[in-house]
N, C-alpha and C. Protein backbone atom coordinates (compact mmCIF):
# COMPACT_ATOMS: atom_id res chain seq x y z
N MET A 1 42.80 43.22 -9.89
CA MET A 1 43.48 41.62 -10.58
C MET A 1 44.91 42.20 -9.28
N GLY A 2 45.48 41.22 -8.62
CA GLY A 2 46.38 41.23 -7.78
C GLY A 2 47.65 41.01 -8.36
N LEU A 3 48.70 41.53 -7.85
CA LEU A 3 50.19 41.20 -8.29
C LEU A 3 50.72 39.96 -8.95
N MET A 4 50.43 39.00 -8.37
CA MET A 4 51.13 37.90 -8.55
C MET A 4 50.06 37.45 -10.39
N SER A 5 48.64 37.90 -10.07
CA SER A 5 48.00 37.00 -11.51
C SER A 5 48.31 38.05 -12.43
N LYS A 6 48.70 39.43 -12.27
CA LYS A 6 49.34 40.49 -13.30
C LYS A 6 50.93 39.93 -13.76
N ILE A 7 51.48 39.06 -13.05
CA ILE A 7 53.02 38.49 -13.45
C ILE A 7 52.72 37.53 -14.08
N LEU A 8 51.74 36.51 -13.31
CA LEU A 8 51.58 35.12 -13.94
C LEU A 8 50.76 34.87 -15.05
N GLY A 9 49.83 35.87 -15.11
CA GLY A 9 49.00 35.79 -15.86
C GLY A 9 47.43 35.33 -15.18
N GLY A 10 46.30 35.88 -15.87
CA GLY A 10 44.62 35.14 -15.02
C GLY A 10 44.14 34.82 -16.12
N GLY A 11 44.73 34.34 -17.38
CA GLY A 11 44.18 34.04 -18.03
C GLY A 11 43.15 34.99 -18.94
N GLN A 12 43.41 36.44 -18.89
CA GLN A 12 43.26 37.35 -19.71
C GLN A 12 44.24 38.00 -20.31
N SER A 13 44.22 38.57 -22.03
CA SER A 13 44.99 39.04 -23.23
C SER A 13 45.34 40.16 -22.30
N ARG A 14 46.52 40.57 -22.71
CA ARG A 14 47.53 41.37 -22.42
C ARG A 14 47.32 42.49 -23.80
N THR A 15 47.61 43.54 -23.32
CA THR A 15 47.75 44.70 -24.37
C THR A 15 49.26 45.53 -23.96
N VAL A 16 49.44 46.84 -24.83
CA VAL A 16 50.84 46.98 -24.51
C VAL A 16 50.36 48.36 -23.67
N ASP A 17 49.53 48.37 -23.24
CA ASP A 17 49.33 49.41 -21.86
C ASP A 17 49.69 48.88 -20.71
N ASP A 18 49.45 47.30 -20.86
CA ASP A 18 50.21 46.61 -19.48
C ASP A 18 51.43 46.21 -19.12
N TYR A 19 52.45 47.00 -19.87
CA TYR A 19 53.67 46.46 -19.78
C TYR A 19 54.54 48.44 -19.67
N ALA A 20 55.10 48.55 -18.91
CA ALA A 20 55.80 49.49 -18.86
C ALA A 20 57.27 49.66 -19.81
N GLU A 21 57.61 50.80 -20.22
CA GLU A 21 58.95 50.89 -20.40
C GLU A 21 59.98 51.64 -19.50
N LEU A 22 61.19 50.64 -19.50
CA LEU A 22 62.15 50.68 -18.76
C LEU A 22 62.53 51.90 -18.97
N ASN A 23 63.22 52.94 -18.13
CA ASN A 23 63.93 54.22 -18.74
C ASN A 23 65.40 53.80 -18.46
N LEU A 24 66.72 53.22 -18.90
CA LEU A 24 68.22 52.93 -18.29
C LEU A 24 68.61 54.19 -18.08
N GLU A 25 68.20 54.97 -17.97
CA GLU A 25 69.44 55.95 -16.91
C GLU A 25 68.59 55.75 -15.54
N ASP A 26 67.65 55.40 -15.54
CA ASP A 26 67.15 55.06 -14.06
C ASP A 26 67.95 53.74 -13.02
N VAL A 27 68.81 53.32 -13.95
CA VAL A 27 69.25 51.92 -13.70
C VAL A 27 70.63 52.26 -13.24
N SER A 28 71.24 52.17 -12.28
CA SER A 28 72.63 52.19 -11.76
C SER A 28 73.48 51.42 -12.83
N THR A 29 74.22 52.19 -13.47
CA THR A 29 75.56 51.38 -14.04
C THR A 29 76.88 50.62 -13.24
N GLU A 30 76.51 51.12 -12.08
CA GLU A 30 77.81 50.54 -11.37
C GLU A 30 77.21 49.01 -10.69
N SER A 31 77.68 48.26 -11.03
CA SER A 31 78.08 46.83 -10.01
C SER A 31 79.16 45.90 -10.27
N ALA A 32 78.44 45.11 -9.10
CA ALA A 32 79.75 44.21 -8.64
C ALA A 32 80.86 43.08 -10.18
N ALA A 33 81.87 43.56 -10.05
CA ALA A 33 82.42 42.75 -11.01
C ALA A 33 81.79 41.43 -11.31
N ALA A 34 81.66 41.01 -12.48
CA ALA A 34 81.65 39.95 -12.87
C ALA A 34 82.62 38.75 -12.56
N THR A 35 82.36 37.46 -12.47
CA THR A 35 82.90 36.40 -12.20
C THR A 35 82.92 35.47 -13.52
N MET A 36 81.72 36.11 -14.33
CA MET A 36 81.53 35.12 -15.62
C MET A 36 80.96 35.58 -16.47
N GLN A 37 81.22 35.53 -17.70
CA GLN A 37 80.56 36.25 -18.83
C GLN A 37 79.55 35.35 -19.97
N VAL A 38 79.28 35.45 -20.66
CA VAL A 38 78.32 34.65 -21.73
C VAL A 38 78.71 35.38 -23.08
N HIS A 39 79.57 34.42 -23.50
CA HIS A 39 79.87 34.75 -24.90
C HIS A 39 78.99 33.93 -25.89
N ILE A 40 79.14 35.01 -26.90
CA ILE A 40 78.13 34.49 -28.57
C ILE A 40 79.11 34.04 -29.88
N ALA A 41 79.47 32.98 -30.42
CA ALA A 41 80.29 32.68 -31.23
C ALA A 41 79.79 32.45 -32.33
N GLU A 42 80.42 32.68 -33.49
CA GLU A 42 80.14 32.10 -34.80
C GLU A 42 81.31 31.07 -35.17
N VAL A 43 80.85 29.69 -35.32
CA VAL A 43 81.72 28.44 -35.91
C VAL A 43 81.51 28.62 -37.49
N GLY A 44 82.89 28.82 -37.95
CA GLY A 44 82.65 28.66 -39.61
C GLY A 44 83.79 27.68 -39.92
N SER A 45 84.79 27.07 -38.57
CA SER A 45 85.81 26.41 -38.91
C SER A 45 86.32 26.14 -37.91
N LYS A 46 87.53 25.32 -37.68
CA LYS A 46 88.46 24.89 -36.26
C LYS A 46 89.30 25.67 -35.85
N ALA A 47 89.14 27.04 -36.34
CA ALA A 47 89.86 27.99 -35.84
C ALA A 47 89.29 28.56 -35.00
N ASP A 48 87.98 28.13 -35.00
CA ASP A 48 86.91 29.34 -34.16
C ASP A 48 86.97 28.70 -32.81
N ALA A 49 86.67 27.47 -32.82
CA ALA A 49 86.97 26.14 -31.71
C ALA A 49 87.93 26.73 -31.02
N ILE A 50 88.97 27.22 -30.70
CA ILE A 50 90.26 27.44 -30.50
C ILE A 50 89.41 28.85 -29.08
N ASP A 51 88.88 29.61 -29.69
CA ASP A 51 88.76 30.89 -28.73
C ASP A 51 87.71 30.42 -27.81
N ILE A 52 86.44 29.54 -28.33
CA ILE A 52 85.62 28.95 -27.41
C ILE A 52 86.08 28.37 -26.35
N LYS A 53 87.00 27.44 -26.52
CA LYS A 53 87.87 26.67 -25.75
C LYS A 53 88.43 27.36 -24.53
N ASP A 54 89.22 28.40 -25.05
CA ASP A 54 89.88 29.30 -24.23
C ASP A 54 89.13 30.38 -23.26
N ALA A 55 87.56 30.45 -23.69
CA ALA A 55 87.09 31.08 -22.90
C ALA A 55 86.22 30.11 -21.92
N VAL A 56 85.95 28.79 -22.20
CA VAL A 56 85.30 28.02 -21.30
C VAL A 56 86.46 27.45 -20.35
N TYR A 57 87.88 27.19 -20.64
CA TYR A 57 88.42 27.19 -19.61
C TYR A 57 88.99 28.28 -18.90
N ASP A 58 88.57 29.63 -19.02
CA ASP A 58 88.66 30.80 -18.29
C ASP A 58 87.52 30.82 -17.41
N GLY A 59 87.01 30.07 -17.44
CA GLY A 59 85.15 30.21 -16.72
C GLY A 59 84.03 31.09 -17.30
N ASP A 60 83.88 30.91 -18.23
CA ASP A 60 82.70 31.63 -19.48
C ASP A 60 82.00 30.49 -20.07
N ILE A 61 80.93 31.15 -19.94
CA ILE A 61 79.60 30.62 -20.90
C ILE A 61 79.77 30.57 -22.30
N VAL A 62 79.92 29.80 -23.65
CA VAL A 62 79.65 30.32 -24.30
C VAL A 62 78.29 29.64 -25.40
N ILE A 63 77.60 30.31 -26.25
CA ILE A 63 76.58 30.00 -27.31
C ILE A 63 77.41 30.20 -28.32
N ALA A 64 77.19 28.96 -29.24
CA ALA A 64 78.24 28.69 -30.22
C ALA A 64 77.00 28.46 -31.41
N ASP A 65 77.06 29.59 -32.28
CA ASP A 65 76.39 29.59 -33.62
C ASP A 65 76.98 28.52 -34.31
N VAL A 66 76.13 27.53 -34.60
CA VAL A 66 77.36 26.15 -35.98
C VAL A 66 76.37 26.27 -37.19
N THR A 67 75.52 27.22 -37.57
CA THR A 67 75.01 27.29 -38.95
C THR A 67 75.73 27.61 -40.10
N ARG A 68 76.90 27.86 -39.87
CA ARG A 68 77.74 28.04 -41.17
C ARG A 68 78.39 27.07 -41.61
N LEU A 69 78.78 25.70 -40.47
CA LEU A 69 78.81 24.75 -40.95
C LEU A 69 78.08 23.40 -41.52
N ARG A 70 78.59 22.93 -42.89
CA ARG A 70 77.90 21.95 -43.20
C ARG A 70 77.87 20.83 -42.39
N THR A 71 76.39 20.00 -42.34
CA THR A 71 76.10 19.16 -41.38
C THR A 71 77.11 17.91 -41.91
N GLU A 72 77.00 17.79 -43.26
CA GLU A 72 77.73 16.13 -43.72
C GLU A 72 79.01 16.42 -43.37
N ASP A 73 79.89 17.47 -43.19
CA ASP A 73 81.37 17.59 -43.03
C ASP A 73 81.75 16.80 -41.91
N SER A 74 83.05 16.79 -41.96
CA SER A 74 84.02 15.68 -40.99
C SER A 74 84.03 16.62 -40.01
N THR A 75 84.36 18.19 -40.58
CA THR A 75 84.63 19.72 -39.49
C THR A 75 83.90 19.24 -38.17
N VAL A 76 82.31 19.26 -38.20
CA VAL A 76 81.73 19.55 -37.74
C VAL A 76 81.86 18.47 -36.28
N GLU A 77 82.21 17.33 -36.57
CA GLU A 77 82.50 16.28 -35.89
C GLU A 77 83.28 16.32 -34.92
N HIS A 78 84.65 17.11 -35.42
CA HIS A 78 85.83 17.05 -35.09
C HIS A 78 85.76 18.32 -34.13
N ILE A 79 85.06 19.48 -34.58
CA ILE A 79 84.73 20.59 -33.29
C ILE A 79 84.17 19.90 -32.11
N VAL A 80 82.78 19.29 -32.59
CA VAL A 80 81.84 18.97 -31.51
C VAL A 80 82.93 17.92 -30.63
N ASP A 81 83.28 17.18 -31.26
CA ASP A 81 84.74 16.41 -30.17
C ASP A 81 84.95 17.06 -29.72
N GLU A 82 86.23 18.07 -30.12
CA GLU A 82 86.97 18.88 -29.28
C GLU A 82 86.14 19.73 -28.39
N LEU A 83 85.10 20.12 -28.09
CA LEU A 83 84.30 21.09 -27.54
C LEU A 83 83.80 20.42 -26.32
N ARG A 84 83.24 19.01 -26.90
CA ARG A 84 82.66 18.01 -25.65
C ARG A 84 83.88 17.84 -24.71
N GLN A 85 84.97 17.63 -25.36
CA GLN A 85 86.44 17.23 -24.26
C GLN A 85 86.83 18.14 -23.48
N VAL A 86 86.79 19.52 -24.04
CA VAL A 86 86.99 20.86 -23.20
C VAL A 86 86.07 20.52 -22.04
N ALA A 87 84.57 20.95 -22.16
CA ALA A 87 83.80 20.74 -21.38
C ALA A 87 83.69 19.42 -20.07
N GLN A 88 84.21 18.29 -20.41
CA GLN A 88 84.49 17.10 -19.87
C GLN A 88 85.63 17.55 -18.93
N GLU A 89 86.66 17.83 -19.58
CA GLU A 89 88.01 18.51 -19.01
C GLU A 89 87.75 19.37 -17.54
N VAL A 90 86.71 20.58 -17.51
CA VAL A 90 86.58 21.71 -16.89
C VAL A 90 85.67 21.18 -15.57
N ASP A 91 84.50 19.74 -16.09
CA ASP A 91 83.78 19.19 -15.28
C ASP A 91 82.31 20.19 -15.97
N GLY A 92 82.42 20.92 -17.10
CA GLY A 92 81.32 21.56 -17.28
C GLY A 92 79.97 20.70 -18.01
N ASP A 93 79.65 21.70 -18.93
CA ASP A 93 78.71 20.76 -19.49
C ASP A 93 78.17 21.39 -21.01
N ILE A 94 77.62 20.24 -21.74
CA ILE A 94 77.50 20.69 -23.54
C ILE A 94 76.56 20.26 -23.83
N VAL A 95 75.46 20.99 -24.63
CA VAL A 95 74.50 20.69 -25.20
C VAL A 95 74.65 21.10 -26.86
N ARG A 96 73.37 20.54 -27.34
CA ARG A 96 73.60 21.34 -28.82
C ARG A 96 71.65 21.47 -28.94
N LYS A 97 72.01 22.56 -29.06
CA LYS A 97 70.42 23.14 -29.26
C LYS A 97 70.03 22.90 -30.88
N GLY A 98 68.95 21.88 -31.64
CA GLY A 98 68.57 21.92 -32.75
C GLY A 98 69.97 21.60 -33.51
N ASP A 99 69.81 22.10 -34.76
CA ASP A 99 71.51 22.31 -35.41
C ASP A 99 71.81 23.68 -36.02
N ASP A 100 71.55 24.18 -34.91
CA ASP A 100 72.19 25.80 -35.37
C ASP A 100 72.57 26.46 -34.12
N GLN A 101 72.62 25.43 -32.56
CA GLN A 101 73.30 26.04 -31.81
C GLN A 101 73.96 24.99 -30.75
N MET A 102 75.03 25.35 -30.14
CA MET A 102 75.62 24.86 -28.98
C MET A 102 76.31 25.84 -27.80
N ILE A 103 75.91 25.31 -26.88
CA ILE A 103 75.48 25.44 -25.21
C ILE A 103 76.99 25.14 -24.80
N ILE A 104 78.67 25.47 -24.45
CA ILE A 104 79.58 25.37 -23.76
C ILE A 104 79.39 25.34 -22.01
N THR A 105 79.38 25.00 -21.31
CA THR A 105 79.69 25.56 -19.88
C THR A 105 80.84 24.94 -19.05
N PRO A 106 81.46 25.78 -18.34
CA PRO A 106 82.58 25.49 -17.66
C PRO A 106 82.15 24.81 -16.00
N THR A 107 83.15 24.99 -15.39
CA THR A 107 83.02 23.95 -13.90
C THR A 107 81.93 24.69 -13.48
N GLY A 108 80.67 23.94 -12.71
CA GLY A 108 79.81 24.08 -11.75
C GLY A 108 78.77 24.74 -12.70
N VAL A 109 78.46 24.75 -13.92
CA VAL A 109 77.64 24.88 -14.42
C VAL A 109 77.07 24.03 -15.29
N ARG A 110 75.28 23.46 -15.12
CA ARG A 110 74.79 22.46 -15.32
C ARG A 110 73.80 23.06 -16.75
N ILE A 111 73.64 22.53 -17.88
CA ILE A 111 72.43 22.84 -18.39
C ILE A 111 71.03 21.79 -18.10
N SER A 112 69.86 22.80 -18.10
CA SER A 112 68.64 21.79 -17.68
C SER A 112 68.52 21.24 -19.20
N ARG A 113 68.23 19.85 -19.02
CA ARG A 113 67.43 19.25 -20.24
C ARG A 113 66.13 19.53 -20.57
N GLU A 114 65.55 20.16 -19.52
CA GLU A 114 63.97 20.51 -19.50
C GLU A 114 63.43 21.59 -19.62
N LYS A 115 62.87 22.32 -20.62
CA LYS A 115 62.52 23.70 -21.16
C LYS A 115 61.55 24.31 -19.66
N LEU A 116 61.97 25.29 -19.58
CA LEU A 116 61.14 25.76 -18.86
C LEU A 116 59.68 25.87 -19.12
N GLY A 117 58.48 26.05 -18.54
CA GLY A 117 56.75 25.92 -18.39
C GLY A 117 56.83 24.94 -19.09
N GLN A 118 57.28 23.45 -19.22
CA GLN A 118 57.11 22.41 -19.63
C GLN A 118 57.26 21.05 -18.88
N LYS A 119 56.48 21.30 -18.18
CA LYS A 119 56.45 19.84 -17.06
C LYS A 119 56.04 18.75 -17.99
N LEU A 120 57.06 18.00 -17.94
CA LEU A 120 56.41 16.72 -18.44
C LEU A 120 55.82 15.47 -17.64
């Protein structure tokens, strides 16, 4: 079996022996300074939106968990509108993934609406 068949799969089932455990001690911890970070946020109130907005204005990506908000509450609509406005102001992007997550990106970052591996 060739390397690409191993990577992409050749229709054969996999076993634990097909995977190699990576030792993090072998990986260099020195890297170039990151210009962007990905933040994880939990949104439970309007105050939580302030930190998300600041991060997006600073050029970072935010994945926000909104499960703590009740969907029938007008607070959700207000927070979503605020975050949509921020994404628009910075020429970024925003999507809602199901009822529990939102992804907000800064300038120059677009979110694909097509799932990988699922060609339409």
